[in-house]
N, C-alpha and C. Protein backbone atom coordinates (compact mmCIF):
# COMPACT_ATOMS: atom_id res chain seq x y z
N MET A 1 -7.74 -22.54 5.20
CA MET A 1 -7.27 -23.06 3.92
C MET A 1 -5.87 -23.64 4.13
N GLU A 2 -5.62 -24.74 3.49
CA GLU A 2 -4.29 -25.37 3.54
C GLU A 2 -3.32 -24.59 2.65
N LEU A 3 -2.03 -24.78 2.91
CA LEU A 3 -0.98 -24.11 2.14
C LEU A 3 -1.17 -24.32 0.64
N GLN A 4 -1.48 -25.54 0.23
CA GLN A 4 -1.61 -25.82 -1.20
C GLN A 4 -2.71 -24.97 -1.85
N GLY A 5 -3.77 -24.69 -1.10
CA GLY A 5 -4.84 -23.84 -1.62
C GLY A 5 -4.34 -22.43 -1.94
N PHE A 6 -3.51 -21.90 -1.05
CA PHE A 6 -2.92 -20.58 -1.30
C PHE A 6 -2.00 -20.62 -2.52
N LYS A 7 -1.20 -21.69 -2.62
CA LYS A 7 -0.28 -21.81 -3.75
C LYS A 7 -1.04 -21.98 -5.06
N ASP A 8 -2.17 -22.70 -5.01
CA ASP A 8 -2.99 -22.87 -6.22
C ASP A 8 -3.54 -21.53 -6.71
N ILE A 9 -3.95 -20.67 -5.77
CA ILE A 9 -4.44 -19.35 -6.16
C ILE A 9 -3.32 -18.57 -6.84
N LEU A 10 -2.13 -18.58 -6.23
CA LEU A 10 -0.99 -17.88 -6.84
C LEU A 10 -0.71 -18.43 -8.23
N ASP A 11 -0.76 -19.74 -8.38
CA ASP A 11 -0.50 -20.38 -9.67
C ASP A 11 -1.52 -19.92 -10.73
N SER A 12 -2.75 -19.67 -10.29
CA SER A 12 -3.80 -19.26 -11.24
C SER A 12 -3.63 -17.82 -11.72
N LEU A 13 -2.70 -17.09 -11.13
CA LEU A 13 -2.53 -15.67 -11.46
C LEU A 13 -1.53 -15.42 -12.58
N LYS A 14 -0.88 -16.45 -13.06
CA LYS A 14 0.22 -16.28 -14.03
C LYS A 14 -0.16 -15.45 -15.24
N ASN A 15 -1.36 -15.61 -15.76
CA ASN A 15 -1.75 -14.91 -16.98
C ASN A 15 -2.68 -13.72 -16.73
N LYS A 16 -2.76 -13.28 -15.50
CA LYS A 16 -3.61 -12.14 -15.16
C LYS A 16 -2.83 -10.84 -15.39
N SER A 17 -3.56 -9.73 -15.42
CA SER A 17 -2.89 -8.42 -15.55
C SER A 17 -2.00 -8.21 -14.33
N PHE A 18 -0.99 -7.38 -14.50
CA PHE A 18 -0.04 -7.16 -13.41
C PHE A 18 -0.75 -6.58 -12.18
N ARG A 19 -1.68 -5.66 -12.40
CA ARG A 19 -2.41 -5.06 -11.28
C ARG A 19 -3.21 -6.11 -10.52
N GLU A 20 -3.94 -6.95 -11.24
CA GLU A 20 -4.72 -8.00 -10.58
C GLU A 20 -3.78 -8.96 -9.85
N LYS A 21 -2.68 -9.28 -10.49
CA LYS A 21 -1.69 -10.18 -9.88
C LYS A 21 -1.18 -9.60 -8.56
N GLN A 22 -0.86 -8.30 -8.57
CA GLN A 22 -0.34 -7.65 -7.36
C GLN A 22 -1.37 -7.68 -6.23
N LEU A 23 -2.60 -7.25 -6.53
CA LEU A 23 -3.63 -7.18 -5.49
C LEU A 23 -3.96 -8.55 -4.92
N ARG A 24 -4.14 -9.51 -5.80
CA ARG A 24 -4.52 -10.84 -5.32
C ARG A 24 -3.36 -11.53 -4.62
N THR A 25 -2.13 -11.30 -5.08
CA THR A 25 -0.97 -11.86 -4.39
C THR A 25 -0.86 -11.25 -3.00
N ALA A 26 -1.06 -9.95 -2.89
CA ALA A 26 -1.03 -9.29 -1.58
C ALA A 26 -2.08 -9.89 -0.65
N GLY A 27 -3.25 -10.17 -1.19
CA GLY A 27 -4.31 -10.78 -0.38
C GLY A 27 -3.94 -12.18 0.09
N VAL A 28 -3.37 -12.97 -0.81
CA VAL A 28 -2.93 -14.33 -0.45
C VAL A 28 -1.89 -14.27 0.65
N ILE A 29 -0.90 -13.41 0.48
CA ILE A 29 0.17 -13.29 1.48
C ILE A 29 -0.42 -12.86 2.83
N SER A 30 -1.26 -11.84 2.82
CA SER A 30 -1.85 -11.34 4.06
C SER A 30 -2.63 -12.43 4.78
N GLU A 31 -3.45 -13.13 4.03
CA GLU A 31 -4.29 -14.17 4.63
C GLU A 31 -3.45 -15.32 5.16
N TYR A 32 -2.46 -15.74 4.39
CA TYR A 32 -1.61 -16.87 4.81
C TYR A 32 -0.80 -16.51 6.06
N VAL A 33 -0.21 -15.33 6.08
CA VAL A 33 0.58 -14.90 7.24
C VAL A 33 -0.31 -14.78 8.48
N LYS A 34 -1.52 -14.27 8.30
CA LYS A 34 -2.47 -14.17 9.41
C LYS A 34 -2.83 -15.56 9.93
N GLN A 35 -3.11 -16.46 9.01
CA GLN A 35 -3.50 -17.82 9.40
C GLN A 35 -2.34 -18.57 10.07
N LYS A 36 -1.15 -18.46 9.51
CA LYS A 36 -0.02 -19.24 10.02
C LYS A 36 0.59 -18.64 11.29
N HIS A 37 0.71 -17.32 11.35
CA HIS A 37 1.44 -16.68 12.45
C HIS A 37 0.61 -15.67 13.25
N ASN A 38 -0.65 -15.48 12.88
CA ASN A 38 -1.51 -14.48 13.52
C ASN A 38 -0.87 -13.08 13.49
N ILE A 39 -0.27 -12.77 12.35
CA ILE A 39 0.35 -11.46 12.13
C ILE A 39 -0.50 -10.69 11.12
N ASP A 40 -0.88 -9.48 11.50
CA ASP A 40 -1.63 -8.62 10.58
C ASP A 40 -0.65 -7.79 9.77
N LEU A 41 -0.69 -7.95 8.47
CA LEU A 41 0.14 -7.16 7.57
C LEU A 41 -0.65 -5.94 7.09
N VAL A 42 0.07 -4.87 6.79
CA VAL A 42 -0.54 -3.66 6.23
C VAL A 42 0.21 -3.29 4.97
N VAL A 43 -0.53 -3.11 3.87
CA VAL A 43 0.07 -2.65 2.62
C VAL A 43 0.42 -1.18 2.76
N VAL A 44 1.65 -0.85 2.40
CA VAL A 44 2.13 0.53 2.41
C VAL A 44 2.78 0.80 1.05
N GLY A 45 3.32 1.98 0.87
CA GLY A 45 4.10 2.26 -0.34
C GLY A 45 3.26 2.32 -1.61
N GLY A 46 3.91 1.98 -2.71
CA GLY A 46 3.32 2.14 -4.03
C GLY A 46 2.01 1.41 -4.26
N LEU A 47 1.88 0.19 -3.71
CA LEU A 47 0.63 -0.53 -3.94
C LEU A 47 -0.54 0.18 -3.28
N SER A 48 -0.31 0.82 -2.14
CA SER A 48 -1.41 1.58 -1.53
C SER A 48 -1.80 2.77 -2.40
N VAL A 49 -0.82 3.42 -3.01
CA VAL A 49 -1.13 4.52 -3.94
C VAL A 49 -1.91 3.97 -5.13
N GLU A 50 -1.49 2.82 -5.63
CA GLU A 50 -2.18 2.19 -6.76
C GLU A 50 -3.63 1.88 -6.40
N ILE A 51 -3.85 1.38 -5.19
CA ILE A 51 -5.21 1.06 -4.74
C ILE A 51 -6.05 2.34 -4.64
N TYR A 52 -5.50 3.38 -4.01
CA TYR A 52 -6.26 4.62 -3.81
C TYR A 52 -6.45 5.42 -5.09
N THR A 53 -5.62 5.19 -6.10
CA THR A 53 -5.83 5.87 -7.39
C THR A 53 -6.52 4.95 -8.38
N GLU A 54 -6.98 3.81 -7.91
CA GLU A 54 -7.70 2.83 -8.72
C GLU A 54 -6.93 2.46 -9.98
N GLY A 55 -5.63 2.24 -9.80
CA GLY A 55 -4.80 1.81 -10.91
C GLY A 55 -4.13 2.94 -11.67
N GLY A 56 -4.38 4.18 -11.29
CA GLY A 56 -3.73 5.31 -11.96
C GLY A 56 -2.22 5.25 -11.79
N TYR A 57 -1.80 4.90 -10.60
CA TYR A 57 -0.38 4.72 -10.28
C TYR A 57 -0.06 3.25 -10.46
N SER A 58 1.15 2.95 -10.85
CA SER A 58 1.56 1.55 -11.01
C SER A 58 2.87 1.33 -10.26
N THR A 59 2.94 0.25 -9.54
CA THR A 59 4.13 -0.07 -8.77
C THR A 59 4.68 -1.43 -9.20
N GLN A 60 5.93 -1.64 -8.92
CA GLN A 60 6.58 -2.89 -9.32
C GLN A 60 6.72 -3.88 -8.17
N ASP A 61 6.35 -3.46 -6.95
CA ASP A 61 6.49 -4.38 -5.82
C ASP A 61 5.35 -4.20 -4.83
N ILE A 62 5.33 -5.07 -3.84
CA ILE A 62 4.36 -5.01 -2.76
C ILE A 62 5.15 -4.74 -1.49
N ASP A 63 4.81 -3.66 -0.79
CA ASP A 63 5.45 -3.35 0.49
C ASP A 63 4.44 -3.58 1.60
N PHE A 64 4.88 -4.33 2.61
CA PHE A 64 4.07 -4.58 3.80
C PHE A 64 4.82 -4.10 5.03
N VAL A 65 4.09 -3.74 6.07
CA VAL A 65 4.67 -3.67 7.40
C VAL A 65 3.95 -4.71 8.25
N GLY A 66 4.70 -5.29 9.17
CA GLY A 66 4.14 -6.29 10.07
C GLY A 66 5.21 -6.77 11.04
N VAL A 67 4.80 -7.09 12.26
CA VAL A 67 5.76 -7.57 13.26
C VAL A 67 6.17 -9.00 12.92
N GLY A 68 7.38 -9.36 13.31
CA GLY A 68 7.85 -10.73 13.08
C GLY A 68 8.43 -10.92 11.70
N HIS A 69 9.42 -10.12 11.34
CA HIS A 69 9.99 -10.13 9.99
C HIS A 69 10.38 -11.53 9.54
N GLU A 70 11.07 -12.28 10.37
CA GLU A 70 11.53 -13.62 9.96
C GLU A 70 10.36 -14.57 9.75
N LYS A 71 9.32 -14.46 10.55
CA LYS A 71 8.13 -15.30 10.35
C LYS A 71 7.46 -14.96 9.02
N ILE A 72 7.39 -13.68 8.72
CA ILE A 72 6.79 -13.25 7.44
C ILE A 72 7.62 -13.78 6.27
N MET A 73 8.94 -13.64 6.37
CA MET A 73 9.82 -14.12 5.30
C MET A 73 9.70 -15.63 5.14
N SER A 74 9.57 -16.35 6.24
CA SER A 74 9.39 -17.80 6.19
C SER A 74 8.08 -18.16 5.49
N ALA A 75 7.02 -17.41 5.80
CA ALA A 75 5.73 -17.66 5.15
C ALA A 75 5.82 -17.42 3.64
N LEU A 76 6.59 -16.41 3.25
CA LEU A 76 6.78 -16.15 1.82
C LEU A 76 7.49 -17.33 1.15
N LEU A 77 8.47 -17.91 1.82
CA LEU A 77 9.14 -19.10 1.29
C LEU A 77 8.13 -20.24 1.10
N ASP A 78 7.25 -20.42 2.09
CA ASP A 78 6.20 -21.45 1.98
C ASP A 78 5.38 -21.27 0.72
N LEU A 79 5.11 -20.01 0.37
CA LEU A 79 4.25 -19.69 -0.77
C LEU A 79 4.97 -19.73 -2.12
N GLY A 80 6.27 -20.04 -2.09
CA GLY A 80 7.01 -20.17 -3.35
C GLY A 80 7.88 -18.99 -3.70
N PHE A 81 8.02 -18.04 -2.78
CA PHE A 81 8.91 -16.90 -3.01
C PHE A 81 10.34 -17.30 -2.69
N LYS A 82 11.28 -16.62 -3.32
CA LYS A 82 12.70 -16.78 -3.02
C LYS A 82 13.18 -15.52 -2.34
N ARG A 83 14.01 -15.70 -1.35
CA ARG A 83 14.52 -14.54 -0.62
C ARG A 83 15.69 -13.93 -1.37
N LEU A 84 15.64 -12.61 -1.53
CA LEU A 84 16.71 -11.84 -2.17
C LEU A 84 17.10 -10.73 -1.21
N GLY A 85 17.94 -11.03 -0.24
CA GLY A 85 18.28 -10.04 0.78
C GLY A 85 17.06 -9.72 1.61
N LYS A 86 16.68 -8.43 1.63
CA LYS A 86 15.51 -8.01 2.40
C LYS A 86 14.21 -8.19 1.62
N ASP A 87 14.31 -8.51 0.35
CA ASP A 87 13.14 -8.68 -0.50
C ASP A 87 12.88 -10.16 -0.76
N SER A 88 11.72 -10.42 -1.33
CA SER A 88 11.38 -11.76 -1.80
C SER A 88 10.81 -11.64 -3.20
N LEU A 89 11.03 -12.66 -4.00
CA LEU A 89 10.58 -12.67 -5.38
C LEU A 89 9.87 -13.98 -5.67
N HIS A 90 8.70 -13.87 -6.27
CA HIS A 90 8.02 -15.04 -6.83
C HIS A 90 8.37 -15.03 -8.31
N GLU A 91 9.28 -15.90 -8.70
CA GLU A 91 9.83 -15.84 -10.06
C GLU A 91 8.79 -16.05 -11.14
N GLU A 92 7.86 -16.98 -10.95
CA GLU A 92 6.86 -17.24 -11.98
C GLU A 92 5.91 -16.06 -12.16
N LEU A 93 5.54 -15.42 -11.06
CA LEU A 93 4.62 -14.28 -11.14
C LEU A 93 5.35 -12.96 -11.38
N LYS A 94 6.66 -12.96 -11.16
CA LYS A 94 7.47 -11.74 -11.26
C LYS A 94 6.95 -10.66 -10.30
N VAL A 95 6.65 -11.10 -9.08
CA VAL A 95 6.16 -10.23 -8.03
C VAL A 95 7.22 -10.14 -6.94
N TYR A 96 7.62 -8.90 -6.63
CA TYR A 96 8.57 -8.63 -5.55
C TYR A 96 7.81 -8.20 -4.31
N VAL A 97 8.28 -8.66 -3.16
CA VAL A 97 7.68 -8.27 -1.89
C VAL A 97 8.78 -7.76 -0.98
N GLU A 98 8.50 -6.65 -0.31
CA GLU A 98 9.43 -6.10 0.67
C GLU A 98 8.67 -5.85 1.96
N VAL A 99 9.32 -6.11 3.08
CA VAL A 99 8.76 -5.82 4.40
C VAL A 99 9.73 -4.85 5.08
N PRO A 100 9.57 -3.54 4.78
CA PRO A 100 10.56 -2.57 5.25
C PRO A 100 10.51 -2.25 6.74
N GLY A 101 9.43 -2.61 7.41
CA GLY A 101 9.34 -2.29 8.83
C GLY A 101 8.31 -3.14 9.53
N SER A 102 8.32 -3.04 10.86
CA SER A 102 7.38 -3.84 11.64
C SER A 102 6.20 -3.02 12.13
N ILE A 103 6.33 -1.70 12.09
CA ILE A 103 5.22 -0.84 12.54
C ILE A 103 5.01 0.28 11.53
N LEU A 104 3.81 0.81 11.55
CA LEU A 104 3.51 1.98 10.73
C LEU A 104 4.12 3.19 11.42
N GLU A 105 5.12 3.77 10.81
CA GLU A 105 5.76 4.93 11.41
C GLU A 105 4.99 6.19 11.06
N ASP A 106 4.78 7.02 12.07
CA ASP A 106 4.07 8.29 11.91
C ASP A 106 2.73 8.10 11.21
N SER A 107 2.05 7.04 11.59
CA SER A 107 0.74 6.73 11.03
C SER A 107 -0.17 6.32 12.18
N ASP A 108 -1.45 6.42 11.94
CA ASP A 108 -2.42 6.05 12.96
C ASP A 108 -3.21 4.84 12.46
N GLU A 109 -3.17 3.77 13.25
CA GLU A 109 -3.83 2.53 12.84
C GLU A 109 -5.33 2.68 12.64
N LYS A 110 -5.93 3.69 13.28
CA LYS A 110 -7.38 3.84 13.13
C LYS A 110 -7.77 4.23 11.70
N TYR A 111 -6.80 4.69 10.91
CA TYR A 111 -7.09 5.08 9.53
C TYR A 111 -6.87 3.94 8.53
N ILE A 112 -6.40 2.80 9.01
CA ILE A 112 -6.19 1.66 8.11
C ILE A 112 -7.52 1.27 7.48
N ASN A 113 -7.50 1.03 6.19
CA ASN A 113 -8.69 0.57 5.47
C ASN A 113 -8.53 -0.89 5.12
N GLN A 114 -9.65 -1.57 5.02
CA GLN A 114 -9.64 -2.96 4.58
C GLN A 114 -10.36 -3.07 3.26
N ILE A 115 -9.74 -3.81 2.35
CA ILE A 115 -10.43 -4.14 1.11
C ILE A 115 -10.53 -5.66 1.05
N ILE A 116 -11.47 -6.13 0.28
CA ILE A 116 -11.64 -7.57 0.08
C ILE A 116 -11.20 -7.89 -1.34
N THR A 117 -10.28 -8.83 -1.47
CA THR A 117 -9.77 -9.19 -2.79
C THR A 117 -10.76 -10.09 -3.51
N ASP A 118 -10.50 -10.34 -4.78
CA ASP A 118 -11.35 -11.24 -5.57
C ASP A 118 -11.41 -12.64 -4.97
N ASP A 119 -10.41 -13.00 -4.17
CA ASP A 119 -10.39 -14.32 -3.52
C ASP A 119 -11.03 -14.28 -2.14
N GLN A 120 -11.66 -13.16 -1.81
CA GLN A 120 -12.35 -12.95 -0.54
C GLN A 120 -11.40 -12.90 0.66
N PHE A 121 -10.17 -12.43 0.43
CA PHE A 121 -9.21 -12.24 1.51
C PHE A 121 -9.22 -10.77 1.90
N ARG A 122 -9.06 -10.52 3.20
CA ARG A 122 -8.97 -9.15 3.70
C ARG A 122 -7.56 -8.62 3.49
N LEU A 123 -7.48 -7.39 3.02
CA LEU A 123 -6.20 -6.75 2.79
C LEU A 123 -6.22 -5.40 3.51
N ASN A 124 -5.35 -5.26 4.51
CA ASN A 124 -5.23 -4.00 5.24
C ASN A 124 -4.35 -3.04 4.45
N VAL A 125 -4.82 -1.81 4.30
CA VAL A 125 -4.10 -0.80 3.52
C VAL A 125 -3.92 0.44 4.39
N ILE A 126 -2.70 0.97 4.39
CA ILE A 126 -2.42 2.20 5.13
C ILE A 126 -3.48 3.24 4.78
N GLY A 127 -3.86 4.05 5.76
CA GLY A 127 -4.89 5.06 5.53
C GLY A 127 -4.50 6.07 4.47
N ILE A 128 -5.48 6.58 3.77
CA ILE A 128 -5.24 7.56 2.72
C ILE A 128 -4.51 8.79 3.28
N GLU A 129 -4.89 9.20 4.48
CA GLU A 129 -4.24 10.36 5.09
C GLU A 129 -2.74 10.11 5.27
N ASP A 130 -2.41 8.90 5.71
CA ASP A 130 -1.00 8.59 5.99
C ASP A 130 -0.19 8.38 4.71
N ILE A 131 -0.80 7.87 3.66
CA ILE A 131 -0.03 7.73 2.42
C ILE A 131 0.15 9.10 1.76
N ILE A 132 -0.80 10.00 1.94
CA ILE A 132 -0.60 11.37 1.45
C ILE A 132 0.59 12.01 2.17
N LYS A 133 0.64 11.86 3.49
CA LYS A 133 1.78 12.40 4.25
C LYS A 133 3.09 11.78 3.78
N ASP A 134 3.08 10.48 3.55
CA ASP A 134 4.28 9.78 3.08
C ASP A 134 4.76 10.34 1.74
N ARG A 135 3.83 10.57 0.82
CA ARG A 135 4.20 11.09 -0.50
C ARG A 135 4.68 12.54 -0.42
N ILE A 136 4.08 13.33 0.46
CA ILE A 136 4.55 14.71 0.65
C ILE A 136 6.00 14.70 1.15
N ARG A 137 6.28 13.81 2.08
CA ARG A 137 7.65 13.74 2.63
C ARG A 137 8.64 13.24 1.58
N ALA A 138 8.23 12.30 0.76
CA ALA A 138 9.11 11.82 -0.32
C ALA A 138 9.41 12.96 -1.29
N TYR A 139 8.40 13.74 -1.59
CA TYR A 139 8.55 14.89 -2.49
C TYR A 139 9.49 15.94 -1.89
N LEU A 140 9.23 16.31 -0.65
CA LEU A 140 9.97 17.40 -0.02
C LEU A 140 11.39 17.00 0.40
N HIS A 141 11.51 15.90 1.09
CA HIS A 141 12.79 15.55 1.71
C HIS A 141 13.70 14.70 0.83
N PHE A 142 13.11 13.94 -0.09
CA PHE A 142 13.92 13.06 -0.95
C PHE A 142 13.90 13.50 -2.41
N LYS A 143 13.28 14.66 -2.65
CA LYS A 143 13.26 15.27 -3.98
C LYS A 143 12.66 14.34 -5.04
N GLU A 144 11.66 13.55 -4.63
CA GLU A 144 10.95 12.69 -5.58
C GLU A 144 9.83 13.53 -6.21
N TYR A 145 10.21 14.30 -7.20
CA TYR A 145 9.28 15.27 -7.79
C TYR A 145 8.11 14.61 -8.52
N ASN A 146 8.27 13.36 -8.91
CA ASN A 146 7.17 12.64 -9.55
C ASN A 146 6.00 12.43 -8.58
N GLN A 147 6.23 12.63 -7.29
CA GLN A 147 5.16 12.45 -6.30
C GLN A 147 4.11 13.56 -6.39
N ARG A 148 4.44 14.68 -7.01
CA ARG A 148 3.50 15.81 -7.08
C ARG A 148 2.15 15.38 -7.65
N ASP A 149 2.19 14.68 -8.78
CA ASP A 149 0.95 14.25 -9.42
C ASP A 149 0.14 13.33 -8.52
N TRP A 150 0.85 12.47 -7.79
CA TRP A 150 0.14 11.48 -6.97
C TRP A 150 -0.42 12.11 -5.70
N ILE A 151 0.29 13.08 -5.15
CA ILE A 151 -0.24 13.81 -4.00
C ILE A 151 -1.55 14.48 -4.40
N TYR A 152 -1.51 15.16 -5.54
CA TYR A 152 -2.70 15.85 -6.04
C TYR A 152 -3.84 14.86 -6.30
N GLN A 153 -3.55 13.78 -7.00
CA GLN A 153 -4.58 12.79 -7.33
C GLN A 153 -5.20 12.18 -6.07
N LEU A 154 -4.36 11.86 -5.10
CA LEU A 154 -4.87 11.27 -3.85
C LEU A 154 -5.79 12.24 -3.12
N ILE A 155 -5.37 13.49 -3.03
CA ILE A 155 -6.19 14.49 -2.34
C ILE A 155 -7.48 14.74 -3.11
N LYS A 156 -7.38 14.93 -4.41
CA LYS A 156 -8.56 15.23 -5.23
C LYS A 156 -9.58 14.10 -5.18
N ARG A 157 -9.12 12.87 -5.34
CA ARG A 157 -10.04 11.73 -5.37
C ARG A 157 -10.74 11.48 -4.03
N HIS A 158 -10.07 11.82 -2.94
CA HIS A 158 -10.58 11.45 -1.62
C HIS A 158 -10.90 12.65 -0.74
N LEU A 159 -11.02 13.81 -1.35
CA LEU A 159 -11.21 15.06 -0.62
C LEU A 159 -12.38 15.01 0.35
N LYS A 160 -13.49 14.45 -0.07
CA LYS A 160 -14.70 14.42 0.76
C LYS A 160 -14.52 13.63 2.05
N TYR A 161 -13.57 12.70 2.05
CA TYR A 161 -13.43 11.77 3.17
C TYR A 161 -12.17 12.00 4.01
N LEU A 162 -11.32 12.93 3.60
CA LEU A 162 -10.05 13.14 4.29
C LEU A 162 -10.25 13.77 5.67
N ASP A 163 -9.47 13.30 6.63
CA ASP A 163 -9.40 13.94 7.93
C ASP A 163 -8.29 14.99 7.83
N ILE A 164 -8.66 16.16 7.35
CA ILE A 164 -7.70 17.22 7.06
C ILE A 164 -6.98 17.67 8.33
N SER A 165 -7.72 17.78 9.43
CA SER A 165 -7.08 18.24 10.67
C SER A 165 -6.02 17.25 11.14
N TYR A 166 -6.27 15.95 10.99
CA TYR A 166 -5.25 14.95 11.35
C TYR A 166 -4.00 15.12 10.50
N ILE A 167 -4.18 15.29 9.20
CA ILE A 167 -3.03 15.46 8.32
C ILE A 167 -2.25 16.71 8.73
N GLU A 168 -2.95 17.81 8.89
CA GLU A 168 -2.28 19.08 9.19
C GLU A 168 -1.53 19.04 10.52
N LYS A 169 -2.10 18.41 11.53
CA LYS A 169 -1.43 18.42 12.84
C LYS A 169 -0.23 17.48 12.89
N THR A 170 -0.07 16.62 11.91
CA THR A 170 1.05 15.67 11.93
C THR A 170 2.14 16.02 10.92
N LEU A 171 1.99 17.14 10.23
CA LEU A 171 3.01 17.60 9.29
C LEU A 171 3.79 18.75 9.90
N ASP A 172 5.07 18.88 9.49
CA ASP A 172 5.82 20.06 9.93
C ASP A 172 5.42 21.25 9.05
N VAL A 173 5.99 22.39 9.31
CA VAL A 173 5.58 23.63 8.64
C VAL A 173 5.72 23.53 7.12
N GLU A 174 6.88 23.08 6.64
CA GLU A 174 7.10 22.97 5.19
C GLU A 174 6.15 21.95 4.56
N GLU A 175 5.99 20.81 5.21
CA GLU A 175 5.11 19.77 4.70
C GLU A 175 3.67 20.26 4.65
N LYS A 176 3.26 20.96 5.69
CA LYS A 176 1.90 21.49 5.76
C LYS A 176 1.65 22.50 4.65
N ALA A 177 2.64 23.32 4.33
CA ALA A 177 2.49 24.30 3.24
C ALA A 177 2.25 23.60 1.91
N ILE A 178 2.98 22.52 1.66
CA ILE A 178 2.78 21.75 0.43
C ILE A 178 1.39 21.13 0.42
N PHE A 179 0.99 20.54 1.54
CA PHE A 179 -0.34 19.94 1.63
C PHE A 179 -1.41 20.99 1.35
N THR A 180 -1.27 22.16 1.96
CA THR A 180 -2.27 23.22 1.78
C THR A 180 -2.37 23.65 0.32
N ASP A 181 -1.24 23.76 -0.36
CA ASP A 181 -1.26 24.12 -1.79
C ASP A 181 -2.04 23.10 -2.61
N PHE A 182 -1.76 21.82 -2.38
CA PHE A 182 -2.47 20.77 -3.13
C PHE A 182 -3.94 20.70 -2.72
N LEU A 183 -4.22 20.89 -1.45
CA LEU A 183 -5.59 20.87 -0.96
C LEU A 183 -6.40 22.00 -1.61
N ASP A 184 -5.84 23.19 -1.64
CA ASP A 184 -6.53 24.33 -2.26
C ASP A 184 -6.79 24.08 -3.74
N LEU A 185 -5.80 23.54 -4.44
CA LEU A 185 -5.97 23.24 -5.86
C LEU A 185 -7.06 22.19 -6.06
N ALA A 186 -7.05 21.14 -5.25
CA ALA A 186 -8.06 20.08 -5.38
C ALA A 186 -9.45 20.62 -5.10
N LYS A 187 -9.59 21.47 -4.10
CA LYS A 187 -10.89 22.08 -3.79
C LYS A 187 -11.38 22.93 -4.96
N GLU A 188 -10.46 23.71 -5.53
CA GLU A 188 -10.81 24.58 -6.66
C GLU A 188 -11.27 23.75 -7.86
N VAL A 189 -10.52 22.72 -8.19
CA VAL A 189 -10.87 21.87 -9.33
C VAL A 189 -12.17 21.12 -9.07
N ASN A 190 -12.33 20.58 -7.87
CA ASN A 190 -13.56 19.84 -7.55
C ASN A 190 -14.78 20.75 -7.60
N SER A 191 -14.65 21.99 -7.14
CA SER A 191 -15.81 22.89 -7.19
C SER A 191 -16.14 23.29 -8.63
N ALA A 192 -15.14 23.38 -9.48
CA ALA A 192 -15.37 23.69 -10.90
C ALA A 192 -16.05 22.52 -11.60
N ASP A 193 -15.77 21.29 -11.12
CA ASP A 193 -16.37 20.10 -11.72
C ASP A 193 -17.82 19.91 -11.32
N ASP A 194 -18.23 20.52 -10.19
CA ASP A 194 -19.61 20.33 -9.69
C ASP A 194 -20.63 21.11 -10.45
């Protein structure tokens, strides 16, 4: 697809819901960066929580990791974003994009999931196991107490598919204790629902 095709899709999103706008914009960015620079982006942070909670969580920005920060930022400029320090903003869509790193830290690429957007673009999303670990660490180490609900929701919704041993072996003692508490609660609630 030519650049104008990507820009036309973004232009068509102006009156869409914020969630649809975020997901489809992320897909456009991922596809364009892959096409232009052969860089695979991975959605991390709040948008991944929003995806895994099917809209239960809401975020105000899109966070990606991918190698070649300057190439990614240049591609965002091509798509109509303006650079604001380390972030980029598409003023018409009111969508912020941040690329906080080039690699998934303390994550395993084999857990990355792919979703297909409404525009038929592939969107790589950090694995559910790794976003659970990320939220536990935000809760414990950065005192983001609002993460409690999201840790629970993520575990409860995806309990049947979680690689529990992977999560447990990659957490420290305190983090593992928090995970175990939420895991036990989710198991108890899920068994009561059956």
